[in-house]
């Protein structure tokens, strides 16, 4: 049988390639939009990152539930009873006896998303994207410890070069970080956002550890279960709601509070909604990539997103190109390519 015919396609193009290019563009766009949404607005007018994380999980969970329900939906002309049965069956899958296993990666993903806001507020976009590739190193380490995976000498060497490259970029970022005024409101109003590279590097390092542990644990759950990937996504979102809600509930209300729901969307402008929307798209595309792609193609998507972020930083944020950044970024790109080569 021709396996090529079994590959899902979109507009005649293989789904795995479309999803990977989409993921690369999404990664770059998220870094750019999230960075701009945080550094271009004075703190008093900034939206709450905790609200953005909560809305991301709510939307992603709802869309995943709809996709899971659409796997084998009743006919449009079927009775309400059949739709109710399909809905009840899906709820039974979501609240299966082993659904609690998703609580650990759910908490870790919420922490990771929150740390991303801290990191992107204190690092240039290009530096953030390069430094964030440390998640390859943490994922590999947790894979060896938890999944008992064996890494080839080439992969160990690539991880060494990855650490070297990230170190070079971070030294360059720390040495050349100067606050720049960003226009806010009218042409005569300026807001100076002061970035703290040390704080940003600490946040992105912690995000890489939570990302690596969550990814490996999620892989363990998927390998030990026959549940549909979209059902698992719904379970992840459900368990993410409690840790995502906690910082919002524990935060003291503002002096001119207008109620819980209005405070939740306080200062939620176009850039905030764009950040949430791109995050939701990324979560859904990642599920497709996990199902249909392989490591080599994921490495290509990572490299493409770094290049796109670098070019955008130069064009949009006056990012200064230095020889050390070029050397560090090139080392990270080479290490990423080397790590994703077949054994």
C-alpha atoms as a PDB file:
ATOM      1  CA  UNK A   1       0.000   0.000   0.000  1.00  0.00           C
ATOM      2  CA  UNK A   2       1.297   3.464  -0.827  1.00  0.00           C
ATOM      3  CA  UNK A   3       2.011   5.179   2.490  1.00  0.00           C
ATOM      4  CA  UNK A   4       2.186   8.554   0.774  1.00  0.00           C
ATOM      5  CA  UNK A   5      -1.559   8.436   0.159  1.00  0.00           C
ATOM      6  CA  UNK A   6      -2.166   7.970   3.873  1.00  0.00           C
ATOM      7  CA  UNK A   7      -0.451  11.231   4.811  1.00  0.00           C
ATOM      8  CA  UNK A   8      -3.014  13.938   5.686  1.00  0.00           C
ATOM      9  CA  UNK A   9      -2.779  17.031   3.512  1.00  0.00           C
ATOM     10  CA  UNK A  10      -3.928  20.656   3.497  1.00  0.00           C
ATOM     11  CA  UNK A  11      -4.470  22.194   0.046  1.00  0.00           C
ATOM     12  CA  UNK A  12      -2.422  19.359  -1.452  1.00  0.00           C
ATOM     13  CA  UNK A  13       0.556  19.919   0.894  1.00  0.00           C
ATOM     14  CA  UNK A  14       1.545  17.344   3.572  1.00  0.00           C
ATOM     15  CA  UNK A  15       0.114  18.317   6.951  1.00  0.00           C
ATOM     16  CA  UNK A  16       3.393  17.672   8.777  1.00  0.00           C
ATOM     17  CA  UNK A  17       5.250  20.280   6.683  1.00  0.00           C
ATOM     18  CA  UNK A  18       2.433  22.822   6.923  1.00  0.00           C
ATOM     19  CA  UNK A  19       2.217  22.374  10.696  1.00  0.00           C
ATOM     20  CA  UNK A  20       5.977  22.738  11.147  1.00  0.00           C
ATOM     21  CA  UNK A  21       6.247  25.930   9.099  1.00  0.00           C
ATOM     22  CA  UNK A  22       3.202  27.259  10.956  1.00  0.00           C
ATOM     23  CA  UNK A  23       4.862  26.378  14.279  1.00  0.00           C
ATOM     24  CA  UNK A  24       8.083  28.142  13.268  1.00  0.00           C
ATOM     25  CA  UNK A  25       6.235  31.315  12.274  1.00  0.00           C
ATOM     26  CA  UNK A  26       4.080  31.083  15.419  1.00  0.00           C
ATOM     27  CA  UNK A  27       7.147  30.797  17.693  1.00  0.00           C
ATOM     28  CA  UNK A  28       8.753  33.849  16.109  1.00  0.00           C
ATOM     29  CA  UNK A  29       5.498  35.845  16.074  1.00  0.00           C
ATOM     30  CA  UNK A  30       4.756  35.012  19.718  1.00  0.00           C
ATOM     31  CA  UNK A  31       8.161  36.268  20.871  1.00  0.00           C
ATOM     32  CA  UNK A  32       7.799  39.492  18.878  1.00  0.00           C
ATOM     33  CA  UNK A  33       4.188  40.264  19.855  1.00  0.00           C
ATOM     34  CA  UNK A  34       4.652  39.264  23.507  1.00  0.00           C
ATOM     35  CA  UNK A  35       7.825  41.361  23.790  1.00  0.00           C
ATOM     36  CA  UNK A  36       6.190  44.417  22.244  1.00  0.00           C
ATOM     37  CA  UNK A  37       3.060  44.029  24.384  1.00  0.00           C
ATOM     38  CA  UNK A  38       5.197  44.116  27.543  1.00  0.00           C
ATOM     39  CA  UNK A  39       7.889  46.718  26.791  1.00  0.00           C
ATOM     40  CA  UNK A  40       5.825  49.325  24.917  1.00  0.00           C
ATOM     41  CA  UNK A  41       3.332  50.011  27.702  1.00  0.00           C
ATOM     42  CA  UNK A  42       3.938  51.639  31.122  1.00  0.00           C
ATOM     43  CA  UNK A  43       3.449  49.216  34.037  1.00  0.00           C
ATOM     44  CA  UNK A  44       0.326  51.084  35.178  1.00  0.00           C
ATOM     45  CA  UNK A  45      -1.348  50.369  31.820  1.00  0.00           C
ATOM     46  CA  UNK A  46      -0.030  46.834  31.301  1.00  0.00           C
ATOM     47  CA  UNK A  47      -2.312  43.792  31.174  1.00  0.00           C
ATOM     48  CA  UNK A  48      -1.948  40.958  33.652  1.00  0.00           C
ATOM     49  CA  UNK A  49       0.211  38.029  32.433  1.00  0.00           C
ATOM     50  CA  UNK A  50      -1.743  35.755  34.801  1.00  0.00           C
ATOM     51  CA  UNK A  51      -4.974  36.671  32.991  1.00  0.00           C
ATOM     52  CA  UNK A  52      -3.320  35.940  29.642  1.00  0.00           C
ATOM     53  CA  UNK A  53      -2.182  32.498  30.862  1.00  0.00           C
ATOM     54  CA  UNK A  54      -5.689  31.695  32.150  1.00  0.00           C
ATOM     55  CA  UNK A  55      -7.404  32.791  28.924  1.00  0.00           C
ATOM     56  CA  UNK A  56      -4.881  30.767  26.907  1.00  0.00           C
ATOM     57  CA  UNK A  57      -5.794  27.588  28.800  1.00  0.00           C
ATOM     58  CA  UNK A  58      -9.544  28.254  28.600  1.00  0.00           C
ATOM     59  CA  UNK A  59      -9.502  28.827  24.833  1.00  0.00           C
ATOM     60  CA  UNK A  60      -7.103  25.970  24.102  1.00  0.00           C
ATOM     61  CA  UNK A  61      -9.167  23.550  26.185  1.00  0.00           C
ATOM     62  CA  UNK A  62     -12.443  24.608  24.566  1.00  0.00           C
ATOM     63  CA  UNK A  63     -11.080  24.290  21.018  1.00  0.00           C
ATOM     64  CA  UNK A  64      -9.472  20.916  21.796  1.00  0.00           C
ATOM     65  CA  UNK A  65     -12.816  19.694  23.198  1.00  0.00           C
ATOM     66  CA  UNK A  66     -14.610  20.735  19.997  1.00  0.00           C
ATOM     67  CA  UNK A  67     -11.969  18.999  17.834  1.00  0.00           C
ATOM     68  CA  UNK A  68     -12.224  15.839  19.965  1.00  0.00           C
ATOM     69  CA  UNK A  69     -16.030  15.901  19.654  1.00  0.00           C
ATOM     70  CA  UNK A  70     -15.724  16.315  15.882  1.00  0.00           C
ATOM     71  CA  UNK A  71     -13.712  13.079  15.478  1.00  0.00           C
ATOM     72  CA  UNK A  72     -16.878  11.018  15.027  1.00  0.00           C
ATOM     73  CA  UNK A  73     -19.787  13.433  15.300  1.00  0.00           C
ATOM     74  CA  UNK A  74     -23.399  12.420  14.759  1.00  0.00           C
ATOM     75  CA  UNK A  75     -24.990  13.604  11.554  1.00  0.00           C
ATOM     76  CA  UNK A  76     -26.244  17.169  11.540  1.00  0.00           C
ATOM     77  CA  UNK A  77     -29.774  15.789  11.184  1.00  0.00           C
ATOM     78  CA  UNK A  78     -29.458  13.300  14.040  1.00  0.00           C
ATOM     79  CA  UNK A  79     -31.460  13.755  17.204  1.00  0.00           C
ATOM     80  CA  UNK A  80     -30.349  15.786  20.186  1.00  0.00           C
ATOM     81  CA  UNK A  81     -30.167  12.470  22.050  1.00  0.00           C
ATOM     82  CA  UNK A  82     -27.333  11.179  19.821  1.00  0.00           C
ATOM     83  CA  UNK A  83     -25.418  14.440  20.254  1.00  0.00           C
ATOM     84  CA  UNK A  84     -25.911  14.170  24.020  1.00  0.00           C
ATOM     85  CA  UNK A  85     -24.572  10.606  23.957  1.00  0.00           C
ATOM     86  CA  UNK A  86     -21.489  11.695  21.989  1.00  0.00           C
ATOM     87  CA  UNK A  87     -20.941  14.565  24.435  1.00  0.00           C
ATOM     88  CA  UNK A  88     -21.321  12.242  27.437  1.00  0.00           C
ATOM     89  CA  UNK A  89     -18.906   9.689  25.921  1.00  0.00           C
ATOM     90  CA  UNK A  90     -16.289  12.401  25.386  1.00  0.00           C
ATOM     91  CA  UNK A  91     -16.731  13.661  28.952  1.00  0.00           C
ATOM     92  CA  UNK A  92     -16.212  10.072  30.107  1.00  0.00           C
ATOM     93  CA  UNK A  93     -12.889   9.991  28.203  1.00  0.00           C
ATOM     94  CA  UNK A  94     -11.803  13.344  29.618  1.00  0.00           C
ATOM     95  CA  UNK A  95     -12.604  12.346  33.218  1.00  0.00           C
ATOM     96  CA  UNK A  96     -11.061   8.882  32.880  1.00  0.00           C
ATOM     97  CA  UNK A  97      -9.510   7.211  35.961  1.00  0.00           C
ATOM     98  CA  UNK A  98      -5.985   8.101  34.794  1.00  0.00           C
ATOM     99  CA  UNK A  99      -6.706  11.763  34.002  1.00  0.00           C
ATOM    100  CA  UNK A 100      -4.916  12.827  37.216  1.00  0.00           C
ATOM    101  CA  UNK A 101      -1.607  11.997  35.518  1.00  0.00           C
ATOM    102  CA  UNK A 102      -1.945  15.201  33.510  1.00  0.00           C
ATOM    103  CA  UNK A 103      -1.979  17.358  36.666  1.00  0.00           C
ATOM    104  CA  UNK A 104       1.834  17.439  36.930  1.00  0.00           C
ATOM    105  CA  UNK A 105       2.618  18.614  33.362  1.00  0.00           C
ATOM    106  CA  UNK A 106      -0.369  20.992  33.554  1.00  0.00           C
ATOM    107  CA  UNK A 107       1.103  22.796  36.573  1.00  0.00           C
ATOM    108  CA  UNK A 108       4.539  22.849  34.952  1.00  0.00           C
ATOM    109  CA  UNK A 109       3.172  24.329  31.716  1.00  0.00           C
ATOM    110  CA  UNK A 110       1.401  27.110  33.635  1.00  0.00           C
ATOM    111  CA  UNK A 111       4.646  27.952  35.457  1.00  0.00           C
ATOM    112  CA  UNK A 112       6.525  27.853  32.132  1.00  0.00           C
ATOM    113  CA  UNK A 113       4.057  30.219  30.445  1.00  0.00           C
ATOM    114  CA  UNK A 114       4.243  32.644  33.367  1.00  0.00           C
ATOM    115  CA  UNK A 115       8.053  32.601  33.311  1.00  0.00           C
ATOM    116  CA  UNK A 116       8.020  33.333  29.581  1.00  0.00           C
ATOM    117  CA  UNK A 117       6.357  36.678  30.272  1.00  0.00           C
ATOM    118  CA  UNK A 118       9.102  37.573  32.757  1.00  0.00           C
ATOM    119  CA  UNK A 119      11.857  36.470  30.389  1.00  0.00           C
ATOM    120  CA  UNK A 120      10.536  38.195  27.258  1.00  0.00           C
ATOM    121  CA  UNK A 121      10.105  41.438  29.238  1.00  0.00           C
ATOM    122  CA  UNK A 122      13.781  41.458  30.176  1.00  0.00           C
ATOM    123  CA  UNK A 123      15.549  40.086  27.086  1.00  0.00           C
ATOM    124  CA  UNK A 124      15.684  41.164  23.433  1.00  0.00           C
ATOM    125  CA  UNK A 125      13.568  38.890  21.208  1.00  0.00           C
ATOM    126  CA  UNK A 126      16.549  37.347  19.412  1.00  0.00           C
ATOM    127  CA  UNK A 127      18.415  36.667  22.670  1.00  0.00           C
ATOM    128  CA  UNK A 128      15.294  35.134  24.212  1.00  0.00           C
ATOM    129  CA  UNK A 129      14.762  32.791  21.253  1.00  0.00           C
ATOM    130  CA  UNK A 130      18.369  31.602  21.261  1.00  0.00           C
ATOM    131  CA  UNK A 131      18.557  31.195  25.048  1.00  0.00           C
ATOM    132  CA  UNK A 132      15.220  29.355  25.116  1.00  0.00           C
ATOM    133  CA  UNK A 133      16.796  26.565  23.082  1.00  0.00           C
ATOM    134  CA  UNK A 134      18.281  25.367  26.361  1.00  0.00           C
ATOM    135  CA  UNK A 135      15.027  23.433  26.642  1.00  0.00           C
ATOM    136  CA  UNK A 136      16.657  20.921  24.250  1.00  0.00           C
ATOM    137  CA  UNK A 137      19.332  20.380  26.909  1.00  0.00           C
ATOM    138  CA  UNK A 138      16.846  20.025  29.779  1.00  0.00           C
ATOM    139  CA  UNK A 139      14.532  17.782  27.726  1.00  0.00           C
ATOM    140  CA  UNK A 140      17.479  15.515  26.877  1.00  0.00           C
ATOM    141  CA  UNK A 141      18.542  15.350  30.534  1.00  0.00           C
ATOM    142  CA  UNK A 142      15.044  14.453  31.748  1.00  0.00           C
ATOM    143  CA  UNK A 143      14.686  11.911  28.909  1.00  0.00           C
ATOM    144  CA  UNK A 144      17.837  10.147  30.096  1.00  0.00           C
ATOM    145  CA  UNK A 145      16.693  10.162  33.739  1.00  0.00           C
ATOM    146  CA  UNK A 146      12.953   9.430  33.358  1.00  0.00           C
ATOM    147  CA  UNK A 147      12.678   7.575  30.041  1.00  0.00           C
ATOM    148  CA  UNK A 148      16.059   5.820  30.280  1.00  0.00           C
ATOM    149  CA  UNK A 149      16.947   7.041  26.789  1.00  0.00           C
ATOM    150  CA  UNK A 150      20.457   6.487  25.475  1.00  0.00           C
ATOM    151  CA  UNK A 151      22.104   9.468  23.793  1.00  0.00           C
ATOM    152  CA  UNK A 152      24.774   8.995  21.159  1.00  0.00           C
ATOM    153  CA  UNK A 153      28.160  10.751  21.504  1.00  0.00           C
ATOM    154  CA  UNK A 154      27.055  13.123  18.709  1.00  0.00           C
ATOM    155  CA  UNK A 155      24.012  14.201  20.707  1.00  0.00           C
ATOM    156  CA  UNK A 156      26.100  14.754  23.849  1.00  0.00           C
ATOM    157  CA  UNK A 157      28.540  16.846  21.793  1.00  0.00           C
ATOM    158  CA  UNK A 158      25.685  18.876  20.328  1.00  0.00           C
ATOM    159  CA  UNK A 159      24.338  19.560  23.840  1.00  0.00           C
ATOM    160  CA  UNK A 160      27.791  20.800  24.867  1.00  0.00           C
ATOM    161  CA  UNK A 161      27.914  23.191  21.910  1.00  0.00           C
ATOM    162  CA  UNK A 162      24.340  24.287  22.664  1.00  0.00           C
ATOM    163  CA  UNK A 163      25.354  25.302  26.195  1.00  0.00           C
ATOM    164  CA  UNK A 164      28.430  27.134  24.850  1.00  0.00           C
ATOM    165  CA  UNK A 165      26.357  29.018  22.263  1.00  0.00           C
ATOM    166  CA  UNK A 166      23.711  30.080  24.794  1.00  0.00           C
ATOM    167  CA  UNK A 167      26.458  31.224  27.159  1.00  0.00           C
ATOM    168  CA  UNK A 168      28.055  33.415  24.467  1.00  0.00           C
ATOM    169  CA  UNK A 169      24.706  35.015  23.597  1.00  0.00           C
ATOM    170  CA  UNK A 170      23.866  35.662  27.252  1.00  0.00           C
ATOM    171  CA  UNK A 171      27.266  37.281  27.954  1.00  0.00           C
ATOM    172  CA  UNK A 172      26.756  39.516  24.917  1.00  0.00           C
ATOM    173  CA  UNK A 173      23.209  40.423  26.038  1.00  0.00           C
ATOM    174  CA  UNK A 174      24.315  41.239  29.589  1.00  0.00           C
ATOM    175  CA  UNK A 175      27.158  43.386  28.350  1.00  0.00           C
ATOM    176  CA  UNK A 176      25.193  45.410  25.794  1.00  0.00           C
ATOM    177  CA  UNK A 177      21.836  45.868  27.517  1.00  0.00           C
ATOM    178  CA  UNK A 178      20.840  49.524  27.635  1.00  0.00           C
ATOM    179  CA  UNK A 179      17.312  50.845  28.102  1.00  0.00           C
ATOM    180  CA  UNK A 180      15.739  52.357  25.004  1.00  0.00           C
ATOM    181  CA  UNK A 181      12.727  54.670  24.941  1.00  0.00           C
ATOM    182  CA  UNK A 182       9.646  53.191  23.283  1.00  0.00           C
ATOM    183  CA  UNK A 183       6.883  55.486  22.046  1.00  0.00           C
ATOM    184  CA  UNK A 184       3.568  55.116  23.852  1.00  0.00           C
ATOM    185  CA  UNK A 185       0.376  57.005  23.047  1.00  0.00           C
ATOM    186  CA  UNK A 186       1.100  60.170  21.081  1.00  0.00           C
ATOM    187  CA  UNK A 187       4.327  61.025  19.334  1.00  0.00           C
ATOM    188  CA  UNK A 188       5.302  63.217  22.298  1.00  0.00           C
ATOM    189  CA  UNK A 189       4.952  60.571  25.009  1.00  0.00           C
ATOM    190  CA  UNK A 190       7.757  58.151  25.714  1.00  0.00           C
ATOM    191  CA  UNK A 191       8.030  55.217  28.052  1.00  0.00           C
ATOM    192  CA  UNK A 192      11.454  53.857  28.971  1.00  0.00           C
ATOM    193  CA  UNK A 193      11.380  50.134  29.663  1.00  0.00           C
ATOM    194  CA  UNK A 194      14.497  49.012  31.531  1.00  0.00           C
ATOM    195  CA  UNK A 195      15.349  45.371  30.899  1.00  0.00           C
ATOM    196  CA  UNK A 196      17.213  43.228  33.421  1.00  0.00           C
ATOM    197  CA  UNK A 197      19.201  40.580  31.486  1.00  0.00           C
ATOM    198  CA  UNK A 198      20.047  38.680  34.685  1.00  0.00           C
ATOM    199  CA  UNK A 199      16.375  38.450  35.653  1.00  0.00           C
ATOM    200  CA  UNK A 200      15.445  37.495  32.097  1.00  0.00           C
ATOM    201  CA  UNK A 201      18.113  34.799  31.926  1.00  0.00           C
ATOM    202  CA  UNK A 202      17.008  33.368  35.280  1.00  0.00           C
ATOM    203  CA  UNK A 203      13.382  33.251  34.102  1.00  0.00           C
ATOM    204  CA  UNK A 204      14.185  31.635  30.756  1.00  0.00           C
ATOM    205  CA  UNK A 205      16.432  29.061  32.470  1.00  0.00           C
ATOM    206  CA  UNK A 206      13.639  28.124  34.870  1.00  0.00           C
ATOM    207  CA  UNK A 207      11.190  28.012  31.932  1.00  0.00           C
ATOM    208  CA  UNK A 208      13.516  25.611  30.110  1.00  0.00           C
ATOM    209  CA  UNK A 209      13.590  23.271  33.120  1.00  0.00           C
ATOM    210  CA  UNK A 210       9.797  23.275  33.500  1.00  0.00           C
ATOM    211  CA  UNK A 211       9.387  22.851  29.727  1.00  0.00           C
ATOM    212  CA  UNK A 212      11.789  19.906  29.618  1.00  0.00           C
ATOM    213  CA  UNK A 213      10.226  18.113  32.592  1.00  0.00           C
ATOM    214  CA  UNK A 214       6.653  18.748  31.398  1.00  0.00           C
ATOM    215  CA  UNK A 215       7.433  17.588  27.849  1.00  0.00           C
ATOM    216  CA  UNK A 216       9.099  14.350  28.978  1.00  0.00           C
ATOM    217  CA  UNK A 217       6.370  13.595  31.520  1.00  0.00           C
ATOM    218  CA  UNK A 218       3.695  14.247  28.881  1.00  0.00           C
ATOM    219  CA  UNK A 219       5.514  11.844  26.549  1.00  0.00           C
ATOM    220  CA  UNK A 220       5.495   9.222  29.309  1.00  0.00           C
ATOM    221  CA  UNK A 221       1.727   9.637  29.716  1.00  0.00           C
ATOM    222  CA  UNK A 222       1.089   9.435  25.952  1.00  0.00           C
ATOM    223  CA  UNK A 223       3.210   6.292  25.584  1.00  0.00           C
ATOM    224  CA  UNK A 224       1.416   4.544  28.421  1.00  0.00           C
ATOM    225  CA  UNK A 225      -2.082   5.358  27.216  1.00  0.00           C
ATOM    226  CA  UNK A 226      -4.329   4.894  24.187  1.00  0.00           C
ATOM    227  CA  UNK A 227      -6.289   8.091  24.825  1.00  0.00           C
ATOM    228  CA  UNK A 228      -6.661  10.528  21.959  1.00  0.00           C
ATOM    229  CA  UNK A 229      -4.173  13.426  21.867  1.00  0.00           C
ATOM    230  CA  UNK A 230      -6.989  16.005  21.785  1.00  0.00           C
ATOM    231  CA  UNK A 231      -8.563  14.424  24.864  1.00  0.00           C
ATOM    232  CA  UNK A 232      -5.210  14.737  26.624  1.00  0.00           C
ATOM    233  CA  UNK A 233      -5.088  18.400  25.587  1.00  0.00           C
ATOM    234  CA  UNK A 234      -8.488  18.965  27.210  1.00  0.00           C
ATOM    235  CA  UNK A 235      -7.282  17.245  30.380  1.00  0.00           C
ATOM    236  CA  UNK A 236      -4.147  19.414  30.408  1.00  0.00           C
ATOM    237  CA  UNK A 237      -6.219  22.581  30.129  1.00  0.00           C
ATOM    238  CA  UNK A 238      -8.626  21.488  32.878  1.00  0.00           C
ATOM    239  CA  UNK A 239      -5.826  20.784  35.330  1.00  0.00           C
ATOM    240  CA  UNK A 240      -4.147  24.066  34.324  1.00  0.00           C
ATOM    241  CA  UNK A 241      -7.126  26.156  35.433  1.00  0.00           C
ATOM    242  CA  UNK A 242      -6.444  25.903  39.182  1.00  0.00           C
ATOM    243  CA  UNK A 243      -2.747  26.974  39.104  1.00  0.00           C
ATOM    244  CA  UNK A 244      -3.616  29.620  36.492  1.00  0.00           C
ATOM    245  CA  UNK A 245      -6.416  31.012  38.689  1.00  0.00           C
ATOM    246  CA  UNK A 246      -4.426  31.075  41.936  1.00  0.00           C
ATOM    247  CA  UNK A 247      -2.280  34.190  41.241  1.00  0.00           C
ATOM    248  CA  UNK A 248      -5.405  36.047  40.066  1.00  0.00           C
ATOM    249  CA  UNK A 249      -7.407  35.125  43.180  1.00  0.00           C
ATOM    250  CA  UNK A 250      -4.520  35.839  45.570  1.00  0.00           C
ATOM    251  CA  UNK A 251      -3.728  39.212  44.035  1.00  0.00           C
ATOM    252  CA  UNK A 252      -5.247  42.143  45.876  1.00  0.00           C
ATOM    253  CA  UNK A 253      -7.848  43.991  43.772  1.00  0.00           C
ATOM    254  CA  UNK A 254      -6.864  47.385  42.313  1.00  0.00           C
ATOM    255  CA  UNK A 255      -8.084  50.566  44.096  1.00  0.00           C
ATOM    256  CA  UNK A 256     -10.711  51.216  41.420  1.00  0.00           C
ATOM    257  CA  UNK A 257     -11.822  47.599  41.067  1.00  0.00           C
ATOM    258  CA  UNK A 258     -14.817  46.987  38.785  1.00  0.00           C
ATOM    259  CA  UNK A 259     -15.422  43.361  39.708  1.00  0.00           C
ATOM    260  CA  UNK A 260     -13.605  40.094  39.089  1.00  0.00           C
ATOM    261  CA  UNK A 261     -14.414  39.668  35.393  1.00  0.00           C
ATOM    262  CA  UNK A 262     -13.764  43.272  34.409  1.00  0.00           C
ATOM    263  CA  UNK A 263     -10.496  43.257  36.381  1.00  0.00           C
ATOM    264  CA  UNK A 264      -9.531  40.050  34.560  1.00  0.00           C
ATOM    265  CA  UNK A 265      -9.654  41.898  31.221  1.00  0.00           C
ATOM    266  CA  UNK A 266      -8.193  45.117  32.621  1.00  0.00           C
ATOM    267  CA  UNK A 267      -5.984  46.868  30.003  1.00  0.00           C
ATOM    268  CA  UNK A 268      -6.558  43.942  27.630  1.00  0.00           C
ATOM    269  CA  UNK A 269      -5.921  45.688  24.323  1.00  0.00           C
ATOM    270  CA  UNK A 270      -5.208  44.412  20.821  1.00  0.00           C
ATOM    271  CA  UNK A 271      -1.624  43.342  21.607  1.00  0.00           C
ATOM    272  CA  UNK A 272      -2.730  41.378  24.663  1.00  0.00           C
ATOM    273  CA  UNK A 273      -5.395  39.523  22.674  1.00  0.00           C
ATOM    274  CA  UNK A 274      -2.876  38.919  19.877  1.00  0.00           C
ATOM    275  CA  UNK A 275      -0.488  37.358  22.419  1.00  0.00           C
ATOM    276  CA  UNK A 276      -3.207  35.039  23.758  1.00  0.00           C
ATOM    277  CA  UNK A 277      -4.388  34.129  20.248  1.00  0.00           C
ATOM    278  CA  UNK A 278      -0.887  33.226  19.047  1.00  0.00           C
ATOM    279  CA  UNK A 279      -0.301  31.156  22.197  1.00  0.00           C
ATOM    280  CA  UNK A 280      -3.519  29.195  21.581  1.00  0.00           C
ATOM    281  CA  UNK A 281      -2.546  28.564  17.938  1.00  0.00           C
ATOM    282  CA  UNK A 282       0.869  27.353  19.108  1.00  0.00           C
ATOM    283  CA  UNK A 283      -0.661  24.900  21.573  1.00  0.00           C
ATOM    284  CA  UNK A 284      -2.931  23.414  18.905  1.00  0.00           C
ATOM    285  CA  UNK A 285      -0.211  23.255  16.216  1.00  0.00           C
ATOM    286  CA  UNK A 286       2.179  21.601  18.687  1.00  0.00           C
ATOM    287  CA  UNK A 287      -0.362  18.792  19.141  1.00  0.00           C
ATOM    288  CA  UNK A 288      -0.397  18.234  15.367  1.00  0.00           C
ATOM    289  CA  UNK A 289       3.420  18.307  15.220  1.00  0.00           C
ATOM    290  CA  UNK A 290       3.676  15.726  18.024  1.00  0.00           C
ATOM    291  CA  UNK A 291       1.313  13.429  16.110  1.00  0.00           C
ATOM    292  CA  UNK A 292       2.653  13.728  12.556  1.00  0.00           C
ATOM    293  CA  UNK A 293       6.244  14.998  12.611  1.00  0.00           C
ATOM    294  CA  UNK A 294       9.723  13.842  13.602  1.00  0.00           C
ATOM    295  CA  UNK A 295      12.741  15.353  15.381  1.00  0.00           C
ATOM    296  CA  UNK A 296      14.619  16.420  12.241  1.00  0.00           C
ATOM    297  CA  UNK A 297      11.706  18.493  10.979  1.00  0.00           C
ATOM    298  CA  UNK A 298      11.128  19.952  14.454  1.00  0.00           C
ATOM    299  CA  UNK A 299      14.779  21.003  14.467  1.00  0.00           C
ATOM    300  CA  UNK A 300      14.235  22.765  11.141  1.00  0.00           C
ATOM    301  CA  UNK A 301      11.218  24.603  12.557  1.00  0.00           C
ATOM    302  CA  UNK A 302      13.270  25.687  15.587  1.00  0.00           C
ATOM    303  CA  UNK A 303      16.073  27.017  13.404  1.00  0.00           C
ATOM    304  CA  UNK A 304      13.618  28.866  11.170  1.00  0.00           C
ATOM    305  CA  UNK A 305      11.946  30.533  14.156  1.00  0.00           C
ATOM    306  CA  UNK A 306      15.336  31.719  15.478  1.00  0.00           C
ATOM    307  CA  UNK A 307      16.247  33.223  12.117  1.00  0.00           C
ATOM    308  CA  UNK A 308      12.841  34.927  11.799  1.00  0.00           C
ATOM    309  CA  UNK A 309      13.103  36.332  15.332  1.00  0.00           C
ATOM    310  CA  UNK A 310      16.627  37.612  14.665  1.00  0.00           C
ATOM    311  CA  UNK A 311      15.613  39.395  11.462  1.00  0.00           C
ATOM    312  CA  UNK A 312      12.509  40.852  13.108  1.00  0.00           C
ATOM    313  CA  UNK A 313      14.514  42.116  16.090  1.00  0.00           C
ATOM    314  CA  UNK A 314      16.878  43.967  13.782  1.00  0.00           C
ATOM    315  CA  UNK A 315      14.017  45.479  11.767  1.00  0.00           C
ATOM    316  CA  UNK A 316      11.523  46.278  14.552  1.00  0.00           C
ATOM    317  CA  UNK A 317      13.493  46.752  17.789  1.00  0.00           C
ATOM    318  CA  UNK A 318      16.837  48.157  16.557  1.00  0.00           C
ATOM    319  CA  UNK A 319      18.622  45.045  17.787  1.00  0.00           C
ATOM    320  CA  UNK A 320      22.383  45.528  17.551  1.00  0.00           C
ATOM    321  CA  UNK A 321      24.192  42.789  15.640  1.00  0.00           C
ATOM    322  CA  UNK A 322      27.507  41.919  17.255  1.00  0.00           C
ATOM    323  CA  UNK A 323      30.114  39.310  16.272  1.00  0.00           C
ATOM    324  CA  UNK A 324      29.598  37.500  19.591  1.00  0.00           C
ATOM    325  CA  UNK A 325      25.833  37.191  18.983  1.00  0.00           C
ATOM    326  CA  UNK A 326      26.433  35.859  15.460  1.00  0.00           C
ATOM    327  CA  UNK A 327      28.924  33.298  16.817  1.00  0.00           C
ATOM    328  CA  UNK A 328      26.630  32.264  19.699  1.00  0.00           C
ATOM    329  CA  UNK A 329      23.468  32.053  17.572  1.00  0.00           C
ATOM    330  CA  UNK A 330      25.289  30.115  14.834  1.00  0.00           C
ATOM    331  CA  UNK A 331      26.613  27.693  17.450  1.00  0.00           C
ATOM    332  CA  UNK A 332      23.079  27.140  18.798  1.00  0.00           C
ATOM    333  CA  UNK A 333      21.686  26.624  15.275  1.00  0.00           C
ATOM    334  CA  UNK A 334      24.461  24.140  14.463  1.00  0.00           C
ATOM    335  CA  UNK A 335      23.953  22.293  17.746  1.00  0.00           C
ATOM    336  CA  UNK A 336      20.187  22.110  17.128  1.00  0.00           C
ATOM    337  CA  UNK A 337      20.766  20.673  13.654  1.00  0.00           C
ATOM    338  CA  UNK A 338      23.349  18.200  15.007  1.00  0.00           C
ATOM    339  CA  UNK A 339      21.084  17.027  17.832  1.00  0.00           C
ATOM    340  CA  UNK A 340      18.205  16.274  15.486  1.00  0.00           C
ATOM    341  CA  UNK A 341      20.231  14.135  13.089  1.00  0.00           C
ATOM    342  CA  UNK A 342      19.314  10.424  13.038  1.00  0.00           C
ATOM    343  CA  UNK A 343      21.556   8.165  15.075  1.00  0.00           C
END
